[in-house]
Protein backbone atom coordinates (compact mmCIF):
# COMPACT_ATOMS: atom_id res chain seq x y z
CA MET A 1 46.23 23.73 -73.22
CA LYS A 2 46.56 26.30 -76.24
CA LEU A 3 48.03 29.71 -75.49
CA ALA A 4 48.22 32.32 -78.20
CA LEU A 5 50.57 35.06 -76.92
CA VAL A 6 49.88 38.25 -79.61
CA THR A 7 52.70 40.55 -79.27
CA ASP A 8 54.37 43.69 -80.94
CA ALA A 9 57.80 43.00 -79.41
CA TRP A 10 59.68 39.58 -81.04
CA HIS A 11 62.74 39.29 -82.68
CA PRO A 12 64.90 40.40 -84.17
CA GLN A 13 64.02 43.37 -81.84
CA VAL A 14 66.46 44.00 -78.98
CA ASN A 15 65.01 44.62 -75.57
CA GLY A 16 64.01 43.33 -72.35
CA VAL A 17 60.10 43.31 -73.36
CA VAL A 18 61.42 40.57 -76.42
CA THR A 19 63.85 38.85 -73.47
CA THR A 20 60.77 38.14 -70.97
CA LEU A 21 58.32 37.06 -73.50
CA VAL A 22 61.13 34.73 -75.14
CA GLU A 23 62.16 33.46 -71.77
CA LEU A 24 58.52 33.01 -70.89
CA VAL A 25 57.37 31.21 -73.97
CA ASP A 26 60.67 28.58 -73.67
CA GLY A 27 59.44 28.31 -69.81
CA LEU A 28 55.40 27.79 -70.73
CA GLN A 29 56.78 25.00 -73.71
CA ARG A 30 58.69 23.01 -71.33
CA LEU A 31 55.59 22.66 -69.16
CA GLY A 32 53.56 21.62 -71.93
CA VAL A 33 51.94 24.22 -73.28
CA GLU A 34 51.59 24.64 -76.55
CA VAL A 35 52.02 28.98 -77.93
CA LEU A 36 51.45 30.20 -81.14
CA VAL A 37 53.13 33.72 -81.03
CA LEU A 38 51.61 35.92 -83.42
CA HIS A 39 54.27 38.75 -83.80
CA PRO A 40 55.20 41.46 -86.57
CA GLY A 41 57.71 39.08 -89.06
CA LEU A 42 53.96 37.09 -89.85
CA PHE A 43 52.67 39.92 -91.29
CA ALA A 44 53.03 43.06 -93.66
CA HIS A 45 55.32 45.12 -91.39
CA ARG A 46 57.21 48.62 -91.83
CA PRO A 47 59.89 49.87 -89.30
CA CYS A 48 58.36 52.32 -86.47
CA PRO A 49 58.73 55.84 -87.24
CA GLY A 50 61.46 57.20 -84.64
CA TYR A 51 62.47 53.80 -83.83
CA PRO A 52 64.77 52.08 -86.02
CA GLY A 53 65.07 48.11 -85.39
CA ILE A 54 61.41 48.08 -84.31
CA ASP A 55 59.31 46.87 -87.12
CA LEU A 56 55.32 47.64 -86.33
CA ALA A 57 51.90 45.21 -88.14
CA VAL A 58 50.63 46.77 -91.17
CA ARG A 59 46.79 46.08 -91.00
CA PRO A 60 46.96 42.72 -89.40
CA ALA A 61 43.56 42.63 -88.29
CA GLY A 62 41.97 40.08 -91.12
CA ALA A 63 44.95 37.81 -90.76
CA LEU A 64 45.30 37.65 -87.48
CA ARG A 65 41.75 36.79 -86.99
CA GLN A 66 42.05 34.11 -89.44
CA MET A 67 45.53 32.83 -87.33
CA LEU A 68 43.56 32.80 -84.18
CA THR A 69 40.15 30.92 -85.46
CA ASP A 70 42.41 28.19 -86.74
CA PHE A 71 44.51 27.67 -83.95
CA ALA A 72 41.40 27.69 -81.19
CA PRO A 73 43.20 28.84 -78.38
CA ASP A 74 42.02 27.95 -74.80
CA ALA A 75 43.62 31.37 -73.65
CA VAL A 76 44.83 34.48 -75.35
CA HIS A 77 47.02 36.66 -74.14
CA LEU A 78 47.91 40.59 -75.44
CA ALA A 79 51.54 41.30 -74.58
CA THR A 80 51.51 44.80 -75.60
CA GLU A 81 49.69 47.68 -76.89
CA GLY A 82 50.96 48.05 -80.33
CA PRO A 83 48.60 47.53 -84.15
CA LEU A 84 48.89 43.74 -83.26
CA GLY A 85 47.82 44.50 -79.83
CA TRP A 86 44.52 46.44 -80.78
CA ALA A 87 44.08 43.90 -83.63
CA GLY A 88 44.22 40.74 -80.84
CA ARG A 89 41.46 43.13 -79.35
CA LYS A 90 38.87 43.39 -81.98
CA VAL A 91 39.27 40.66 -82.70
CA CYS A 92 38.52 38.85 -79.16
CA LEU A 93 35.72 41.26 -78.65
CA GLN A 94 34.34 40.21 -81.60
CA LYS A 95 34.49 36.27 -81.06
CA ARG A 96 33.12 37.27 -77.03
CA TRP A 97 36.59 35.78 -76.13
CA ALA A 98 37.94 36.36 -73.01
CA PHE A 99 41.67 37.55 -73.02
CA THR A 100 44.40 38.84 -70.85
CA THR A 101 46.44 41.79 -71.12
CA ALA A 102 50.43 43.04 -69.59
CA PHE A 103 51.97 46.69 -69.04
CA HIS A 104 55.14 46.46 -69.68
CA THR A 105 56.33 49.73 -71.08
CA LYS A 106 55.56 53.03 -69.83
CA PHE A 107 54.39 54.09 -73.69
CA PRO A 108 52.69 57.89 -72.10
CA GLU A 109 56.10 58.38 -70.57
CA ILE A 110 57.91 57.74 -74.09
CA LEU A 111 55.28 59.71 -76.11
CA HIS A 112 55.32 62.51 -73.82
CA SER A 113 59.20 62.55 -73.77
CA ALA A 114 59.70 61.84 -77.97
CA LEU A 115 56.53 64.52 -79.01
CA ARG A 116 55.24 65.77 -75.73
CA VAL A 117 51.83 64.07 -75.73
CA PRO A 118 50.40 65.03 -72.11
CA LEU A 119 50.75 61.69 -70.00
CA SER A 120 46.82 61.90 -69.50
CA TRP A 121 46.03 61.74 -73.02
CA GLY A 122 48.62 58.50 -73.13
CA TYR A 123 46.83 56.80 -70.49
CA ALA A 124 43.49 57.68 -71.30
CA LEU A 125 44.60 55.23 -74.72
CA PHE A 126 45.90 52.82 -72.71
CA ARG A 127 43.12 52.23 -69.90
CA HIS A 128 40.92 52.12 -72.89
CA PHE A 129 43.01 49.51 -74.76
CA HIS A 130 43.02 47.54 -71.23
CA ARG A 131 39.62 47.85 -69.66
CA PRO A 132 38.01 44.84 -71.73
CA SER A 133 40.72 42.52 -70.55
CA SER A 134 39.93 39.77 -67.63
CA GLY A 135 43.56 40.71 -66.18
CA VAL A 136 46.10 43.42 -66.39
CA MET A 137 49.23 41.36 -65.67
CA VAL A 138 52.27 44.50 -64.22
CA PRO A 139 55.45 43.83 -63.27
CA THR A 140 55.49 45.67 -60.16
CA LYS A 141 53.66 46.45 -56.84
CA GLY A 142 54.86 49.99 -57.82
CA VAL A 143 53.62 50.36 -61.37
CA LEU A 144 50.45 48.20 -59.62
CA GLN A 145 49.41 51.11 -57.71
CA MET A 146 50.20 53.61 -60.35
CA LEU A 147 47.64 52.04 -62.65
CA ASP A 148 45.16 51.57 -60.01
CA GLN A 149 45.52 55.44 -59.23
CA ARG A 150 44.84 55.92 -63.07
CA ARG A 151 41.61 54.07 -62.82
CA PHE A 152 42.59 50.96 -64.84
CA GLY A 153 41.16 47.64 -63.82
CA GLN A 154 41.69 43.84 -63.02
CA LEU A 155 45.23 44.44 -62.45
CA LYS A 156 47.36 41.53 -61.29
CA ALA A 157 51.01 41.51 -59.75
CA TRP A 158 53.29 39.40 -62.30
CA THR A 159 57.23 39.99 -61.49
CA HIS A 160 60.24 38.89 -64.45
CA GLY A 161 62.70 36.60 -64.04
CA VAL A 162 66.10 36.34 -65.31
CA ASP A 163 68.00 33.08 -66.52
CA THR A 164 70.88 32.60 -64.00
CA GLN A 165 72.42 29.99 -65.98
CA LEU A 166 72.75 32.06 -69.07
CA PHE A 167 74.04 35.09 -67.02
CA ALA A 168 76.64 33.04 -64.57
CA TYR A 169 77.94 34.11 -61.12
CA GLN A 170 81.61 36.04 -61.72
CA PRO A 171 83.45 36.06 -58.34
CA GLU A 172 85.84 38.49 -59.39
CA VAL A 173 86.08 40.87 -62.41
CA MET A 174 87.78 39.63 -65.28
CA ALA A 175 88.42 42.06 -67.98
CA PRO A 176 88.24 40.76 -71.62
CA GLN A 177 91.73 40.84 -73.51
CA ASP A 178 90.19 43.66 -76.09
CA TRP A 179 89.71 45.93 -72.79
CA GLN A 180 92.91 46.46 -71.59
CA HIS A 181 93.67 49.79 -72.99
CA LEU A 182 90.66 50.94 -71.49
CA LEU A 183 90.71 52.42 -67.79
CA ARG A 184 89.39 51.03 -64.96
CA PRO A 185 86.73 51.03 -63.23
CA TYR A 186 84.47 49.86 -65.69
CA TRP A 187 80.48 51.64 -65.61
CA LEU A 188 77.86 49.92 -67.85
CA PHE A 189 75.18 51.03 -69.44
CA VAL A 190 72.62 47.85 -71.45
CA GLY A 191 69.76 49.16 -73.45
CA ARG A 192 67.73 51.02 -76.09
CA ILE A 193 69.55 54.57 -76.42
CA SER A 194 66.45 56.03 -76.80
CA TYR A 195 64.48 59.07 -75.00
CA GLU A 196 63.03 57.26 -72.01
CA LYS A 197 66.39 55.44 -71.04
CA ASN A 198 67.38 58.77 -69.53
CA ILE A 199 70.52 57.80 -70.58
CA GLU A 200 72.48 61.27 -70.89
CA ALA A 201 72.27 61.26 -66.77
CA PHE A 202 74.83 58.21 -67.15
CA LEU A 203 76.84 59.99 -70.12
CA SER A 204 77.25 62.89 -67.90
CA LEU A 205 78.43 61.64 -64.66
CA ASP A 206 82.06 62.63 -63.63
CA LEU A 207 83.26 58.93 -62.96
CA PRO A 208 86.77 57.80 -63.14
CA GLY A 209 87.62 54.82 -65.22
CA THR A 210 85.47 54.23 -68.63
CA LYS A 211 81.70 54.15 -69.51
CA ILE A 212 80.60 51.21 -71.40
CA VAL A 213 77.22 51.73 -73.70
CA CYS A 214 75.83 48.61 -74.85
CA GLY A 215 72.67 49.38 -77.28
CA VAL A 216 71.42 50.77 -80.08
CA GLY A 217 68.13 53.32 -80.91
CA PRO A 218 67.46 56.73 -82.13
CA LEU A 219 69.53 58.65 -80.06
CA GLU A 220 72.83 57.05 -81.04
CA ALA A 221 74.32 58.76 -83.95
CA ASN A 222 73.95 62.17 -81.74
CA LEU A 223 75.37 60.69 -78.38
CA ARG A 224 78.22 58.89 -80.19
CA GLN A 225 79.37 62.23 -81.51
CA ARG A 226 78.42 63.96 -78.08
CA HIS A 227 80.70 62.03 -76.16
CA PRO A 228 83.47 60.33 -78.07
CA GLU A 229 85.10 58.92 -74.39
CA VAL A 230 82.98 56.36 -74.01
CA PHE A 231 83.10 52.88 -75.33
CA TRP A 232 80.20 52.07 -77.60
CA MET A 233 79.76 48.36 -78.27
CA GLY A 234 76.60 48.15 -79.58
CA VAL A 235 74.04 44.76 -79.95
CA LEU A 236 75.94 42.14 -78.93
CA PRO A 237 74.85 38.79 -78.78
CA ARG A 238 73.20 37.06 -75.91
CA ALA A 239 76.37 34.80 -74.23
CA ARG A 240 78.72 37.96 -75.10
CA LEU A 241 76.76 40.16 -73.28
CA ALA A 242 76.84 37.97 -69.83
CA ARG A 243 80.15 37.88 -70.18
CA VAL A 244 80.63 42.06 -70.46
CA TYR A 245 78.20 42.07 -67.50
CA GLY A 246 80.11 40.17 -65.64
CA ALA A 247 83.55 42.25 -67.03
CA CYS A 248 82.16 45.41 -65.11
CA ASP A 249 82.42 46.95 -61.69
CA VAL A 250 79.24 48.49 -61.59
CA PHE A 251 75.76 48.77 -64.27
CA VAL A 252 73.96 52.05 -63.66
CA PHE A 253 70.46 52.71 -64.73
CA PRO A 254 69.96 55.83 -65.20
CA SER A 255 65.96 55.56 -66.33
CA ARG A 256 63.07 56.96 -64.31
CA SER A 257 60.47 55.68 -66.35
CA GLU A 258 60.83 51.45 -66.58
CA THR A 259 58.24 49.12 -65.35
CA PHE A 260 60.86 46.64 -64.44
CA GLY A 261 64.33 46.94 -65.53
CA LEU A 262 65.42 43.36 -66.28
CA VAL A 263 68.84 44.74 -67.33
CA MET A 264 69.61 45.58 -63.75
CA LEU A 265 68.53 41.77 -62.72
CA GLU A 266 71.27 40.35 -65.80
CA ALA A 267 73.84 42.26 -64.37
CA MET A 268 73.32 41.24 -60.89
CA ALA A 269 73.15 37.79 -61.70
CA THR A 270 76.61 37.87 -63.08
CA GLY A 271 77.39 39.37 -59.41
CA THR A 272 78.01 43.35 -60.68
CA PRO A 273 75.65 45.70 -58.78
CA VAL A 274 73.39 48.04 -59.49
CA ALA A 275 73.29 52.34 -59.25
CA ALA A 276 70.09 53.55 -59.45
CA TYR A 277 67.72 56.29 -58.97
CA PRO A 278 65.39 54.89 -56.10
CA VAL A 279 62.14 55.20 -58.38
CA ASP A 280 59.76 52.30 -59.70
CA GLY A 281 61.66 49.31 -61.26
CA PRO A 282 64.68 49.98 -59.33
CA LEU A 283 62.95 49.92 -56.09
CA GLN A 284 61.39 46.24 -56.01
CA VAL A 285 64.58 44.94 -58.45
CA LEU A 286 66.81 46.06 -55.57
CA GLY A 287 64.50 45.03 -52.19
CA GLN A 288 62.11 47.26 -51.34
CA ASP A 289 60.01 44.17 -50.68
CA THR A 290 62.74 42.96 -48.09
CA GLY A 291 62.60 46.28 -46.65
CA GLN A 292 66.07 47.20 -47.52
CA VAL A 293 68.26 47.41 -50.77
CA GLN A 294 70.77 44.77 -51.47
CA GLY A 295 72.34 44.06 -54.31
CA GLY A 296 73.51 47.89 -55.40
CA VAL A 297 73.03 51.39 -54.36
CA LEU A 298 69.63 53.57 -55.06
CA HIS A 299 70.02 57.73 -54.65
CA GLU A 300 68.77 60.76 -56.25
CA ASP A 301 72.35 61.79 -56.64
CA LEU A 302 73.13 58.94 -59.49
CA GLN A 303 77.20 59.88 -58.79
CA HIS A 304 76.95 59.45 -55.03
CA ALA A 305 74.89 55.83 -56.07
CA ALA A 306 77.76 54.71 -58.75
CA LEU A 307 80.76 55.23 -56.83
CA ARG A 308 79.26 53.83 -53.44
CA ALA A 309 78.40 50.82 -55.78
CA LEU A 310 82.17 50.01 -56.20
CA GLU A 311 81.74 48.69 -52.23
CA VAL A 312 78.80 46.31 -52.92
CA PRO A 313 80.10 42.72 -52.60
CA ARG A 314 79.47 40.91 -55.73
CA SER A 315 78.06 37.66 -53.90
CA GLU A 316 74.95 40.13 -52.40
CA ALA A 317 74.10 40.93 -56.01
CA ARG A 318 74.10 37.46 -57.18
CA ALA A 319 71.96 36.52 -54.11
CA ARG A 320 69.44 39.29 -55.15
CA ALA A 321 69.18 38.08 -58.23
CA MET A 322 68.37 34.21 -57.48
CA ALA A 323 65.24 35.46 -55.84
CA PHE A 324 63.77 36.04 -59.31
CA GLY A 325 63.77 32.27 -61.02
CA TRP A 326 62.14 31.99 -63.71
CA GLN A 327 60.21 28.67 -62.44
CA GLU A 328 57.47 30.95 -59.92
CA THR A 329 57.29 33.93 -62.74
CA VAL A 330 55.93 31.29 -65.66
CA GLN A 331 53.25 29.61 -63.13
CA LEU A 332 52.36 32.79 -61.71
CA PHE A 333 52.07 33.93 -65.71
CA LEU A 334 49.91 30.41 -65.90
CA SER A 335 47.54 31.78 -62.82
CA HIS A 336 46.23 34.69 -64.13
CA LEU A 337 45.15 33.01 -67.35
CA VAL A 338 41.27 33.04 -68.05
CA PRO A 339 39.80 30.45 -70.48
CA VAL A 340 38.63 32.35 -73.73
CA ASN A 341 34.83 30.92 -72.87
CA GLY A 342 34.92 31.52 -69.18
CA GLN A 343 34.56 27.67 -68.86
CA CYS A 344 37.56 25.81 -67.65
CA THR A 345 38.31 22.61 -69.51
CA PRO A 346 40.50 19.24 -68.62
CA THR A 347 43.40 21.19 -70.58
CA LEU A 348 43.23 24.50 -68.83
CA SER A 349 41.50 22.95 -64.84
CA ARG A 350 45.08 23.22 -63.21
CA PHE A 351 45.73 27.07 -64.67
CA CYS A 352 41.93 28.32 -64.20
CA HIS A 353 41.82 31.01 -61.46
CA GLY A 354 40.33 33.33 -63.55
CA ALA A 355 36.65 35.20 -64.02
CA SER A 356 33.31 33.55 -63.53
CA THR A 357 31.51 33.10 -67.20
CA GLN A 358 29.23 36.27 -65.80
CA SER A 359 32.24 38.29 -65.13
CA VAL A 360 33.87 37.59 -68.77
CA ILE A 361 30.51 38.50 -70.37
CA GLU A 362 30.45 41.54 -68.87
CA LEU A 363 34.10 42.12 -69.67
CA THR A 364 33.58 41.41 -73.01
CA SER A 365 30.02 43.48 -74.04
């Protein structure tokens, strides 16, 4: 099977979407799927305004069309709604190819926070982007319900996973030697230091010990200046990041606008419990589906949640993370793919659960 994965998020970017897609591609390749990743580095590109570290492809449609034609994929997945996603959408519609898409990030909320763009405008644009898709993959039931209420169609639940070997369980907190000068407990945040992460809610908490931040982003310089007491670590290699997760007492997740929140799973896999608001993302990751919160504490008072999370057993956090294995995640992704021409070829037959030829034609017309 040949899959074309079109994405505006890829290395050297560092974020949850990139991590998810890299793990997905690795899992697909282990199953024998031939994956062509079409990312900004293959095209002329420039930095995204206001988001250093994120490059966007510049006028990629012509080159993308040729790459897709030469590859002749069995299935096409548009992972993001950036310039490459829109270019891939255009090519697929011109070729009358069926395709799937994904809703990884609440960009309308980001645009609203950064530029005051009305949410209704942002969701109208995204609804238009996803309308021809034969399957819009979303990471949680909460996001699926939200998009359904906003009149998105063809929604498919697709949860994410965590590498439980890389993020190995650490039953007891053991601080690195170079942290001996830091007061405990250690409170950790990992993610882009940007508008949608609501990191100020974490930095302003009155907590004993030391706040630790791993990440970079457009708000970093300002926040470093305002919070010199914070231990700022920047971007870390994945292996070292795993050790940092395991060395901390609580992972604080202040965002209210996530679709999932992979960093919570990474922390929990090492045994570090999570403190977060009871909103989409944390609700699902910490166990809304089980009827009880596992691996952390959810509360509208984030300080209360953080302090209570100190009492959560590390074994409980690890056990909850183990419910999100990548093997099941990859198989679910494959089950949502559709053949480009609406016909299941022999190589695609074991993955083809998609729409009929008639429905594909209706979607792409």
